[in-house]
Amino acid sequence: MNGPLDLRVLVLLLAGAVTAYIAYMHPAVGIALLVGVGVVTLAYLLMSTGGSGGPPAP
């Protein structure tokens, strides 16, 4: 890993830690966040691959 990828990983880990803390402190909010992340992930996968469900093309 080099340069920008390291920064992206750090930002994603920080976002994950904040989300996990919020979910721990407020379980109802955690469930809503989990559903939201699932929907966004599914939409990203479907839109970037033409609906086949495979990983996005580089």
C-alpha atoms as a PDB file:
ATOM      1  CA  MET A   1       0.000   0.000   0.000  1.00  0.00           C
ATOM      2  CA  ASN A   2       1.214   3.451  -0.802  1.00  0.00           C
ATOM      3  CA  GLY A   3       0.228   7.106  -0.559  1.00  0.00           C
ATOM      4  CA  PRO A   4      -3.488   7.786  -0.975  1.00  0.00           C
ATOM      5  CA  LEU A   5      -4.491   4.199  -0.271  1.00  0.00           C
ATOM      6  CA  ASP A   6      -3.020   4.444   3.207  1.00  0.00           C
ATOM      7  CA  LEU A   7      -5.016   7.600   3.868  1.00  0.00           C
ATOM      8  CA  ARG A   8      -8.218   5.994   2.562  1.00  0.00           C
ATOM      9  CA  VAL A   9      -7.725   2.979   4.803  1.00  0.00           C
ATOM     10  CA  LEU A  10      -7.133   5.237   7.793  1.00  0.00           C
ATOM     11  CA  VAL A  11     -10.289   7.249   7.044  1.00  0.00           C
ATOM     12  CA  LEU A  12     -12.362   4.070   6.625  1.00  0.00           C
ATOM     13  CA  LEU A  13     -11.035   2.634   9.891  1.00  0.00           C
ATOM     14  CA  LEU A  14     -11.822   5.879  11.694  1.00  0.00           C
ATOM     15  CA  ALA A  15     -15.338   5.973  10.215  1.00  0.00           C
ATOM     16  CA  GLY A  16     -15.850   2.344  11.238  1.00  0.00           C
ATOM     17  CA  ALA A  17     -14.683   3.033  14.778  1.00  0.00           C
ATOM     18  CA  VAL A  18     -17.003   6.032  15.145  1.00  0.00           C
ATOM     19  CA  THR A  19     -19.914   4.043  13.735  1.00  0.00           C
ATOM     20  CA  ALA A  20     -19.209   1.123  16.059  1.00  0.00           C
ATOM     21  CA  TYR A  21     -19.082   3.476  19.057  1.00  0.00           C
ATOM     22  CA  ILE A  22     -22.416   5.071  18.099  1.00  0.00           C
ATOM     23  CA  ALA A  23     -23.985   1.636  17.588  1.00  0.00           C
ATOM     24  CA  TYR A  24     -22.676   0.518  20.983  1.00  0.00           C
ATOM     25  CA  MET A  25     -24.010   3.572  22.809  1.00  0.00           C
ATOM     26  CA  HIS A  26     -27.375   3.695  20.975  1.00  0.00           C
ATOM     27  CA  PRO A  27     -28.460   0.252  19.688  1.00  0.00           C
ATOM     28  CA  ALA A  28     -31.487   1.591  17.750  1.00  0.00           C
ATOM     29  CA  VAL A  29     -29.245   3.950  15.792  1.00  0.00           C
ATOM     30  CA  GLY A  30     -26.831   1.084  15.166  1.00  0.00           C
ATOM     31  CA  ILE A  31     -29.543  -0.985  13.504  1.00  0.00           C
ATOM     32  CA  ALA A  32     -30.484   1.932  11.241  1.00  0.00           C
ATOM     33  CA  LEU A  33     -26.817   2.473  10.324  1.00  0.00           C
ATOM     34  CA  LEU A  34     -26.410  -1.225   9.506  1.00  0.00           C
ATOM     35  CA  VAL A  35     -29.438  -1.192   7.201  1.00  0.00           C
ATOM     36  CA  GLY A  36     -28.201   1.991   5.512  1.00  0.00           C
ATOM     37  CA  VAL A  37     -24.722   0.578   4.928  1.00  0.00           C
ATOM     38  CA  GLY A  38     -26.216  -2.611   3.502  1.00  0.00           C
ATOM     39  CA  VAL A  39     -28.454  -0.744   1.074  1.00  0.00           C
ATOM     40  CA  VAL A  40     -25.651   1.544  -0.118  1.00  0.00           C
ATOM     41  CA  THR A  41     -23.268  -1.402  -0.556  1.00  0.00           C
ATOM     42  CA  LEU A  42     -25.825  -3.375  -2.549  1.00  0.00           C
ATOM     43  CA  ALA A  43     -26.627  -0.369  -4.756  1.00  0.00           C
ATOM     44  CA  TYR A  44     -22.910   0.248  -5.370  1.00  0.00           C
ATOM     45  CA  LEU A  45     -22.328  -3.353  -6.386  1.00  0.00           C
ATOM     46  CA  LEU A  46     -25.345  -3.475  -8.683  1.00  0.00           C
ATOM     47  CA  MET A  47     -24.690  -0.139 -10.390  1.00  0.00           C
ATOM     48  CA  SER A  48     -20.972  -0.638 -10.951  1.00  0.00           C
ATOM     49  CA  THR A  49     -21.231  -4.117 -12.524  1.00  0.00           C
ATOM     50  CA  GLY A  50     -24.275  -3.827 -14.742  1.00  0.00           C
ATOM     51  CA  GLY A  51     -26.425  -5.890 -12.397  1.00  0.00           C
ATOM     52  CA  SER A  52     -24.346  -9.075 -12.413  1.00  0.00           C
ATOM     53  CA  GLY A  53     -23.464  -8.789  -8.717  1.00  0.00           C
ATOM     54  CA  GLY A  54     -19.734  -9.408  -9.186  1.00  0.00           C
ATOM     55  CA  PRO A  55     -16.919  -7.186  -7.944  1.00  0.00           C
ATOM     56  CA  PRO A  56     -16.496  -3.795  -9.635  1.00  0.00           C
ATOM     57  CA  ALA A  57     -14.215  -3.635 -12.664  1.00  0.00           C
ATOM     58  CA  PRO A  58     -10.918  -1.783 -12.160  1.00  0.00           C
END
